[in-house]
């Protein structure tokens, strides 16, 4: 099972939506609290290649994107494969 990490911040509706989507997939993931101005947020920025928004999702260290990206992959039927799940 790949390592899945998601950087979020409290009160962010996009973060809640992305976390719920991951939960619905029944995959283990690590949620990293990354409010604006924290070292965790800077880490998410650097790891994502410069995206300053949350959530930011990574699979085995590879950036998968934010909420809109996860939802797009789900609509296209590609999220399970991106998360390392069998269809």
PDB file of N, CA and C in Angstrom:
ATOM      1  N   UNK A   1       0.860  -1.183   0.000  1.00  0.00           N
ATOM      2  CA  UNK A   1       0.000   0.000   0.000  1.00  0.00           C
ATOM      3  C   UNK A   1       0.896   1.232   0.000  1.00  0.00           C
ATOM      4  N   UNK A   2       0.668   2.146  -0.918  1.00  0.00           N
ATOM      5  CA  UNK A   2       1.484   3.364  -0.950  1.00  0.00           C
ATOM      6  C   UNK A   2       1.232   4.258   0.262  1.00  0.00           C
ATOM      7  N   UNK A   3       2.211   5.072   0.579  1.00  0.00           N
ATOM      8  CA  UNK A   3       2.077   6.055   1.663  1.00  0.00           C
ATOM      9  C   UNK A   3       1.325   7.266   1.114  1.00  0.00           C
ATOM     10  N   UNK A   4       0.194   7.596   1.740  1.00  0.00           N
ATOM     11  CA  UNK A   4      -0.631   8.721   1.315  1.00  0.00           C
ATOM     12  C   UNK A   4      -0.597   9.771   2.417  1.00  0.00           C
ATOM     13  N   UNK A   5      -0.288  11.007   2.030  1.00  0.00           N
ATOM     14  CA  UNK A   5      -0.252  12.126   2.968  1.00  0.00           C
ATOM     15  C   UNK A   5      -1.100  13.255   2.398  1.00  0.00           C
ATOM     16  N   UNK A   6      -1.776  13.962   3.289  1.00  0.00           N
ATOM     17  CA  UNK A   6      -2.559  15.122   2.856  1.00  0.00           C
ATOM     18  C   UNK A   6      -2.346  16.254   3.856  1.00  0.00           C
ATOM     19  N   UNK A   7      -1.923  17.384   3.334  1.00  0.00           N
ATOM     20  CA  UNK A   7      -1.738  18.590   4.139  1.00  0.00           C
ATOM     21  C   UNK A   7      -3.052  19.360   4.142  1.00  0.00           C
ATOM     22  N   UNK A   8      -3.511  19.711   5.340  1.00  0.00           N
ATOM     23  CA  UNK A   8      -4.789  20.412   5.484  1.00  0.00           C
ATOM     24  C   UNK A   8      -4.634  21.577   6.462  1.00  0.00           C
ATOM     25  N   UNK A   9      -5.694  22.356   6.562  1.00  0.00           N
ATOM     26  CA  UNK A   9      -5.732  23.408   7.578  1.00  0.00           C
ATOM     27  C   UNK A   9      -7.137  23.451   8.155  1.00  0.00           C
ATOM     28  N   UNK A  10      -7.263  23.750   9.454  1.00  0.00           N
ATOM     29  CA  UNK A  10      -8.570  23.812  10.087  1.00  0.00           C
ATOM     30  C   UNK A  10      -9.480  24.830   9.407  1.00  0.00           C
ATOM     31  N   UNK A  11     -10.747  24.471   9.285  1.00  0.00           N
ATOM     32  CA  UNK A  11     -11.744  25.375   8.729  1.00  0.00           C
ATOM     33  C   UNK A  11     -11.775  25.440   7.209  1.00  0.00           C
ATOM     34  N   UNK A  12     -10.992  24.616   6.552  1.00  0.00           N
ATOM     35  CA  UNK A  12     -10.928  24.638   5.089  1.00  0.00           C
ATOM     36  C   UNK A  12     -11.934  23.637   4.512  1.00  0.00           C
ATOM     37  N   UNK A  13     -12.983  24.113   3.834  1.00  0.00           N
ATOM     38  CA  UNK A  13     -13.990  23.187   3.308  1.00  0.00           C
ATOM     39  C   UNK A  13     -13.435  22.260   2.217  1.00  0.00           C
ATOM     40  N   UNK A  14     -12.455  22.731   1.470  1.00  0.00           N
ATOM     41  CA  UNK A  14     -11.847  21.872   0.448  1.00  0.00           C
ATOM     42  C   UNK A  14     -11.060  20.737   1.097  1.00  0.00           C
ATOM     43  N   UNK A  15     -10.418  21.044   2.218  1.00  0.00           N
ATOM     44  CA  UNK A  15      -9.680  20.020   2.957  1.00  0.00           C
ATOM     45  C   UNK A  15     -10.643  18.961   3.484  1.00  0.00           C
ATOM     46  N   UNK A  16     -11.751  19.401   4.038  1.00  0.00           N
ATOM     47  CA  UNK A  16     -12.751  18.468   4.562  1.00  0.00           C
ATOM     48  C   UNK A  16     -13.253  17.565   3.437  1.00  0.00           C
ATOM     49  N   UNK A  17     -13.520  18.141   2.298  1.00  0.00           N
ATOM     50  CA  UNK A  17     -14.031  17.377   1.156  1.00  0.00           C
ATOM     51  C   UNK A  17     -13.009  16.343   0.673  1.00  0.00           C
ATOM     52  N   UNK A  18     -11.755  16.747   0.593  1.00  0.00           N
ATOM     53  CA  UNK A  18     -10.700  15.831   0.140  1.00  0.00           C
ATOM     54  C   UNK A  18     -10.473  14.709   1.146  1.00  0.00           C
ATOM     55  N   UNK A  19     -10.469  15.039   2.427  1.00  0.00           N
ATOM     56  CA  UNK A  19     -10.300  14.014   3.467  1.00  0.00           C
ATOM     57  C   UNK A  19     -11.466  13.032   3.430  1.00  0.00           C
ATOM     58  N   UNK A  20     -12.670  13.532   3.269  1.00  0.00           N
ATOM     59  CA  UNK A  20     -13.837  12.635   3.188  1.00  0.00           C
ATOM     60  C   UNK A  20     -13.741  11.693   1.989  1.00  0.00           C
ATOM     61  N   UNK A  21     -13.239  12.206   0.871  1.00  0.00           N
ATOM     62  CA  UNK A  21     -13.073  11.359  -0.306  1.00  0.00           C
ATOM     63  C   UNK A  21     -12.061  10.253  -0.017  1.00  0.00           C
ATOM     64  N   UNK A  22     -10.944  10.601   0.605  1.00  0.00           N
ATOM     65  CA  UNK A  22      -9.956   9.577   0.949  1.00  0.00           C
ATOM     66  C   UNK A  22     -10.543   8.571   1.943  1.00  0.00           C
ATOM     67  N   UNK A  23     -11.281   9.060   2.920  1.00  0.00           N
ATOM     68  CA  UNK A  23     -11.921   8.156   3.884  1.00  0.00           C
ATOM     69  C   UNK A  23     -12.882   7.203   3.192  1.00  0.00           C
ATOM     70  N   UNK A  24     -13.592   7.695   2.186  1.00  0.00           N
ATOM     71  CA  UNK A  24     -14.555   6.848   1.478  1.00  0.00           C
ATOM     72  C   UNK A  24     -13.859   5.723   0.711  1.00  0.00           C
ATOM     73  N   UNK A  25     -12.578   5.904   0.438  1.00  0.00           N
ATOM     74  CA  UNK A  25     -11.793   4.890  -0.273  1.00  0.00           C
ATOM     75  C   UNK A  25     -11.224   3.841   0.684  1.00  0.00           C
ATOM     76  N   UNK A  26     -11.390   4.079   1.990  1.00  0.00           N
ATOM     77  CA  UNK A  26     -10.878   3.162   3.017  1.00  0.00           C
ATOM     78  C   UNK A  26      -9.385   2.903   2.872  1.00  0.00           C
ATOM     79  N   UNK A  27      -8.644   3.965   2.576  1.00  0.00           N
ATOM     80  CA  UNK A  27      -7.195   3.854   2.482  1.00  0.00           C
ATOM     81  C   UNK A  27      -6.578   4.532   3.708  1.00  0.00           C
ATOM     82  N   UNK A  28      -5.516   3.967   4.230  1.00  0.00           N
ATOM     83  CA  UNK A  28      -4.833   4.666   5.325  1.00  0.00           C
ATOM     84  C   UNK A  28      -4.097   5.883   4.769  1.00  0.00           C
ATOM     85  N   UNK A  29      -4.182   6.993   5.487  1.00  0.00           N
ATOM     86  CA  UNK A  29      -3.474   8.188   5.076  1.00  0.00           C
ATOM     87  C   UNK A  29      -3.095   8.985   6.306  1.00  0.00           C
ATOM     88  N   UNK A  30      -2.095   9.817   6.132  1.00  0.00           N
ATOM     89  CA  UNK A  30      -1.641  10.684   7.214  1.00  0.00           C
ATOM     90  C   UNK A  30      -2.093  12.102   6.903  1.00  0.00           C
ATOM     91  N   UNK A  31      -2.868  12.670   7.807  1.00  0.00           N
ATOM     92  CA  UNK A  31      -3.302  14.060   7.659  1.00  0.00           C
ATOM     93  C   UNK A  31      -2.333  14.946   8.429  1.00  0.00           C
ATOM     94  N   UNK A  32      -1.772  15.925   7.750  1.00  0.00           N
ATOM     95  CA  UNK A  32      -0.787  16.822   8.338  1.00  0.00           C
ATOM     96  C   UNK A  32      -1.401  18.204   8.458  1.00  0.00           C
ATOM     97  N   UNK A  33      -1.509  18.694   9.687  1.00  0.00           N
ATOM     98  CA  UNK A  33      -2.078  20.006   9.948  1.00  0.00           C
ATOM     99  C   UNK A  33      -1.085  21.064   9.469  1.00  0.00           C
ATOM    100  N   UNK A  34      -1.497  21.892   8.510  1.00  0.00           N
ATOM    101  CA  UNK A  34      -0.590  22.860   7.892  1.00  0.00           C
ATOM    102  C   UNK A  34      -1.238  24.228   7.729  1.00  0.00           C
ATOM    103  N   UNK A  35      -1.558  24.900   8.842  1.00  0.00           N
ATOM    104  CA  UNK A  35      -2.105  26.252   8.730  1.00  0.00           C
ATOM    105  C   UNK A  35      -1.097  27.204   8.095  1.00  0.00           C
ATOM    106  N   UNK A  36      -1.607  28.263   7.527  1.00  0.00           N
ATOM    107  CA  UNK A  36      -0.765  29.292   6.895  1.00  0.00           C
ATOM    108  C   UNK A  36       0.303  29.776   7.887  1.00  0.00           C
ATOM    109  N   UNK A  37       1.543  29.899   7.385  1.00  0.00           N
ATOM    110  CA  UNK A  37       2.629  30.422   8.205  1.00  0.00           C
ATOM    111  C   UNK A  37       3.373  29.391   9.035  1.00  0.00           C
ATOM    112  N   UNK A  38       3.013  28.115   8.907  1.00  0.00           N
ATOM    113  CA  UNK A  38       3.679  27.072   9.684  1.00  0.00           C
ATOM    114  C   UNK A  38       4.749  26.364   8.846  1.00  0.00           C
ATOM    115  N   UNK A  39       5.695  25.710   9.500  1.00  0.00           N
ATOM    116  CA  UNK A  39       6.695  24.939   8.757  1.00  0.00           C
ATOM    117  C   UNK A  39       6.053  23.831   7.907  1.00  0.00           C
ATOM    118  N   UNK A  40       4.959  23.279   8.389  1.00  0.00           N
ATOM    119  CA  UNK A  40       4.259  22.236   7.627  1.00  0.00           C
ATOM    120  C   UNK A  40       3.695  22.789   6.324  1.00  0.00           C
ATOM    121  N   UNK A  41       3.187  24.000   6.374  1.00  0.00           N
ATOM    122  CA  UNK A  41       2.647  24.625   5.159  1.00  0.00           C
ATOM    123  C   UNK A  41       3.774  24.892   4.168  1.00  0.00           C
ATOM    124  N   UNK A  42       4.909  25.345   4.666  1.00  0.00           N
ATOM    125  CA  UNK A  42       6.077  25.571   3.814  1.00  0.00           C
ATOM    126  C   UNK A  42       6.537  24.249   3.191  1.00  0.00           C
ATOM    127  N   UNK A  43       6.498  23.189   3.970  1.00  0.00           N
ATOM    128  CA  UNK A  43       6.877  21.875   3.459  1.00  0.00           C
ATOM    129  C   UNK A  43       5.934  21.445   2.337  1.00  0.00           C
ATOM    130  N   UNK A  44       4.639  21.656   2.526  1.00  0.00           N
ATOM    131  CA  UNK A  44       3.662  21.313   1.484  1.00  0.00           C
ATOM    132  C   UNK A  44       3.937  22.123   0.219  1.00  0.00           C
ATOM    133  N   UNK A  45       4.254  23.400   0.390  1.00  0.00           N
ATOM    134  CA  UNK A  45       4.560  24.282  -0.733  1.00  0.00           C
ATOM    135  C   UNK A  45       5.767  23.763  -1.515  1.00  0.00           C
ATOM    136  N   UNK A  46       6.814  23.424  -0.795  1.00  0.00           N
ATOM    137  CA  UNK A  46       8.035  22.939  -1.443  1.00  0.00           C
ATOM    138  C   UNK A  46       7.814  21.591  -2.122  1.00  0.00           C
ATOM    139  N   UNK A  47       7.149  20.685  -1.439  1.00  0.00           N
ATOM    140  CA  UNK A  47       6.933  19.342  -1.989  1.00  0.00           C
ATOM    141  C   UNK A  47       6.031  19.352  -3.214  1.00  0.00           C
ATOM    142  N   UNK A  48       5.086  20.307  -3.254  1.00  0.00           N
ATOM    143  CA  UNK A  48       4.122  20.346  -4.356  1.00  0.00           C
ATOM    144  C   UNK A  48       4.664  21.057  -5.590  1.00  0.00           C
ATOM    145  N   UNK A  49       5.828  21.629  -5.477  1.00  0.00           N
ATOM    146  CA  UNK A  49       6.370  22.369  -6.608  1.00  0.00           C
ATOM    147  C   UNK A  49       5.882  23.797  -6.670  1.00  0.00           C
ATOM    148  N   UNK A  50       5.390  24.314  -5.545  1.00  0.00           N
ATOM    149  CA  UNK A  50       5.014  25.719  -5.493  1.00  0.00           C
ATOM    150  C   UNK A  50       3.542  26.019  -5.317  1.00  0.00           C
ATOM    151  N   UNK A  51       2.726  25.014  -5.079  1.00  0.00           N
ATOM    152  CA  UNK A  51       1.307  25.282  -4.847  1.00  0.00           C
ATOM    153  C   UNK A  51       1.118  25.772  -3.415  1.00  0.00           C
ATOM    154  N   UNK A  52       0.486  26.926  -3.271  1.00  0.00           N
ATOM    155  CA  UNK A  52       0.346  27.535  -1.949  1.00  0.00           C
ATOM    156  C   UNK A  52      -0.998  27.237  -1.286  1.00  0.00           C
ATOM    157  N   UNK A  53      -1.830  26.454  -1.943  1.00  0.00           N
ATOM    158  CA  UNK A  53      -3.159  26.168  -1.387  1.00  0.00           C
ATOM    159  C   UNK A  53      -3.172  24.803  -0.697  1.00  0.00           C
ATOM    160  N   UNK A  54      -4.135  24.618   0.169  1.00  0.00           N
ATOM    161  CA  UNK A  54      -4.403  23.314   0.769  1.00  0.00           C
ATOM    162  C   UNK A  54      -5.803  22.906   0.373  1.00  0.00           C
ATOM    163  N   UNK A  55      -6.078  21.635   0.310  1.00  0.00           N
ATOM    164  CA  UNK A  55      -5.186  20.540   0.653  1.00  0.00           C
ATOM    165  C   UNK A  55      -4.156  20.284  -0.445  1.00  0.00           C
ATOM    166  N   UNK A  56      -3.095  19.600  -0.055  1.00  0.00           N
ATOM    167  CA  UNK A  56      -2.117  19.066  -0.995  1.00  0.00           C
ATOM    168  C   UNK A  56      -1.941  17.593  -0.645  1.00  0.00           C
ATOM    169  N   UNK A  57      -2.090  16.741  -1.632  1.00  0.00           N
ATOM    170  CA  UNK A  57      -2.058  15.296  -1.429  1.00  0.00           C
ATOM    171  C   UNK A  57      -0.849  14.702  -2.134  1.00  0.00           C
ATOM    172  N   UNK A  58      -0.218  13.738  -1.464  1.00  0.00           N
ATOM    173  CA  UNK A  58       0.961  13.064  -1.994  1.00  0.00           C
ATOM    174  C   UNK A  58       0.795  11.552  -1.852  1.00  0.00           C
ATOM    175  N   UNK A  59       1.200  10.838  -2.876  1.00  0.00           N
ATOM    176  CA  UNK A  59       1.192   9.377  -2.853  1.00  0.00           C
ATOM    177  C   UNK A  59       2.621   8.919  -3.088  1.00  0.00           C
ATOM    178  N   UNK A  60       3.184   8.250  -2.084  1.00  0.00           N
ATOM    179  CA  UNK A  60       4.592   7.847  -2.128  1.00  0.00           C
ATOM    180  C   UNK A  60       5.490   9.022  -2.497  1.00  0.00           C
ATOM    181  N   UNK A  61       5.175  10.196  -1.941  1.00  0.00           N
ATOM    182  CA  UNK A  61       5.982  11.381  -2.150  1.00  0.00           C
ATOM    183  C   UNK A  61       5.689  12.135  -3.434  1.00  0.00           C
ATOM    184  N   UNK A  62       4.880  11.549  -4.304  1.00  0.00           N
ATOM    185  CA  UNK A  62       4.546  12.181  -5.584  1.00  0.00           C
ATOM    186  C   UNK A  62       3.315  13.065  -5.396  1.00  0.00           C
ATOM    187  N   UNK A  63       3.383  14.345  -5.831  1.00  0.00           N
ATOM    188  CA  UNK A  63       2.221  15.216  -5.665  1.00  0.00           C
ATOM    189  C   UNK A  63       1.038  14.764  -6.518  1.00  0.00           C
ATOM    190  N   UNK A  64      -0.104  14.679  -5.870  1.00  0.00           N
ATOM    191  CA  UNK A  64      -1.339  14.303  -6.575  1.00  0.00           C
ATOM    192  C   UNK A  64      -2.217  15.524  -6.787  1.00  0.00           C
ATOM    193  N   UNK A  65      -2.019  16.556  -5.975  1.00  0.00           N
ATOM    194  CA  UNK A  65      -2.764  17.794  -6.151  1.00  0.00           C
ATOM    195  C   UNK A  65      -3.697  18.094  -5.004  1.00  0.00           C
ATOM    196  N   UNK A  66      -4.600  19.033  -5.270  1.00  0.00           N
ATOM    197  CA  UNK A  66      -5.547  19.498  -4.270  1.00  0.00           C
ATOM    198  C   UNK A  66      -6.903  18.843  -4.418  1.00  0.00           C
ATOM    199  N   UNK A  67      -7.893  19.435  -3.793  1.00  0.00           N
ATOM    200  CA  UNK A  67      -9.248  18.886  -3.789  1.00  0.00           C
ATOM    201  C   UNK A  67      -9.802  18.746  -5.205  1.00  0.00           C
ATOM    202  N   UNK A  68      -9.689  19.792  -5.991  1.00  0.00           N
ATOM    203  CA  UNK A  68     -10.227  19.734  -7.355  1.00  0.00           C
ATOM    204  C   UNK A  68      -9.564  18.621  -8.164  1.00  0.00           C
ATOM    205  N   UNK A  69      -8.267  18.435  -7.947  1.00  0.00           N
ATOM    206  CA  UNK A  69      -7.545  17.378  -8.661  1.00  0.00           C
ATOM    207  C   UNK A  69      -8.047  15.992  -8.248  1.00  0.00           C
ATOM    208  N   UNK A  70      -8.248  15.806  -6.946  1.00  0.00           N
ATOM    209  CA  UNK A  70      -8.763  14.517  -6.467  1.00  0.00           C
ATOM    210  C   UNK A  70     -10.156  14.247  -7.024  1.00  0.00           C
ATOM    211  N   UNK A  71     -11.004  15.258  -7.007  1.00  0.00           N
ATOM    212  CA  UNK A  71     -12.372  15.100  -7.510  1.00  0.00           C
ATOM    213  C   UNK A  71     -12.375  14.808  -9.017  1.00  0.00           C
ATOM    214  N   UNK A  72     -11.501  15.470  -9.744  1.00  0.00           N
ATOM    215  CA  UNK A  72     -11.390  15.223 -11.193  1.00  0.00           C
ATOM    216  C   UNK A  72     -10.943  13.783 -11.456  1.00  0.00           C
ATOM    217  N   UNK A  73      -9.940  13.333 -10.723  1.00  0.00           N
ATOM    218  CA  UNK A  73      -9.478  11.946 -10.886  1.00  0.00           C
ATOM    219  C   UNK A  73     -10.597  10.958 -10.554  1.00  0.00           C
ATOM    220  N   UNK A  74     -11.370  11.269  -9.525  1.00  0.00           N
ATOM    221  CA  UNK A  74     -12.492  10.396  -9.153  1.00  0.00           C
ATOM    222  C   UNK A  74     -13.536  10.361 -10.267  1.00  0.00           C
ATOM    223  N   UNK A  75     -13.895  11.518 -10.808  1.00  0.00           N
ATOM    224  CA  UNK A  75     -14.880  11.574 -11.896  1.00  0.00           C
ATOM    225  C   UNK A  75     -14.396  10.805 -13.125  1.00  0.00           C
ATOM    226  N   UNK A  76     -13.105  10.856 -13.380  1.00  0.00           N
ATOM    227  CA  UNK A  76     -12.528  10.180 -14.543  1.00  0.00           C
ATOM    228  C   UNK A  76     -12.243   8.697 -14.288  1.00  0.00           C
ATOM    229  N   UNK A  77     -12.537   8.236 -13.070  1.00  0.00           N
ATOM    230  CA  UNK A  77     -12.302   6.833 -12.744  1.00  0.00           C
ATOM    231  C   UNK A  77     -10.831   6.486 -12.573  1.00  0.00           C
ATOM    232  N   UNK A  78     -10.006   7.489 -12.263  1.00  0.00           N
ATOM    233  CA  UNK A  78      -8.566   7.264 -12.158  1.00  0.00           C
ATOM    234  C   UNK A  78      -8.021   7.390 -10.741  1.00  0.00           C
ATOM    235  N   UNK A  79      -8.860   7.771  -9.778  1.00  0.00           N
ATOM    236  CA  UNK A  79      -8.360   7.995  -8.425  1.00  0.00           C
ATOM    237  C   UNK A  79      -7.898   6.702  -7.764  1.00  0.00           C
ATOM    238  N   UNK A  80      -8.655   5.626  -7.924  1.00  0.00           N
ATOM    239  CA  UNK A  80      -8.254   4.366  -7.296  1.00  0.00           C
ATOM    240  C   UNK A  80      -6.856   3.954  -7.738  1.00  0.00           C
ATOM    241  N   UNK A  81      -6.579   4.029  -9.018  1.00  0.00           N
ATOM    242  CA  UNK A  81      -5.258   3.665  -9.521  1.00  0.00           C
ATOM    243  C   UNK A  81      -4.190   4.608  -8.959  1.00  0.00           C
ATOM    244  N   UNK A  82      -4.499   5.903  -8.877  1.00  0.00           N
ATOM    245  CA  UNK A  82      -3.541   6.874  -8.353  1.00  0.00           C
ATOM    246  C   UNK A  82      -3.227   6.613  -6.879  1.00  0.00           C
ATOM    247  N   UNK A  83      -4.199   6.040  -6.170  1.00  0.00           N
ATOM    248  CA  UNK A  83      -4.015   5.724  -4.756  1.00  0.00           C
ATOM    249  C   UNK A  83      -3.468   4.322  -4.531  1.00  0.00           C
ATOM    250  N   UNK A  84      -3.244   3.602  -5.617  1.00  0.00           N
ATOM    251  CA  UNK A  84      -2.704   2.251  -5.504  1.00  0.00           C
ATOM    252  C   UNK A  84      -3.738   1.205  -5.161  1.00  0.00           C
ATOM    253  N   UNK A  85      -5.005   1.498  -5.474  1.00  0.00           N
ATOM    254  CA  UNK A  85      -6.090   0.564  -5.186  1.00  0.00           C
ATOM    255  C   UNK A  85      -6.468  -0.204  -6.454  1.00  0.00           C
ATOM    256  N   UNK A  86      -6.863  -1.449  -6.265  1.00  0.00           N
ATOM    257  CA  UNK A  86      -7.386  -2.227  -7.391  1.00  0.00           C
ATOM    258  C   UNK A  86      -8.836  -1.824  -7.608  1.00  0.00           C
ATOM    259  N   UNK A  87      -9.251  -1.753  -8.845  1.00  0.00           N
ATOM    260  CA  UNK A  87     -10.664  -1.394  -9.133  1.00  0.00           C
ATOM    261  C   UNK A  87     -11.595  -2.546  -8.932  1.00  0.00           C
TER     262      UNK A  87
END
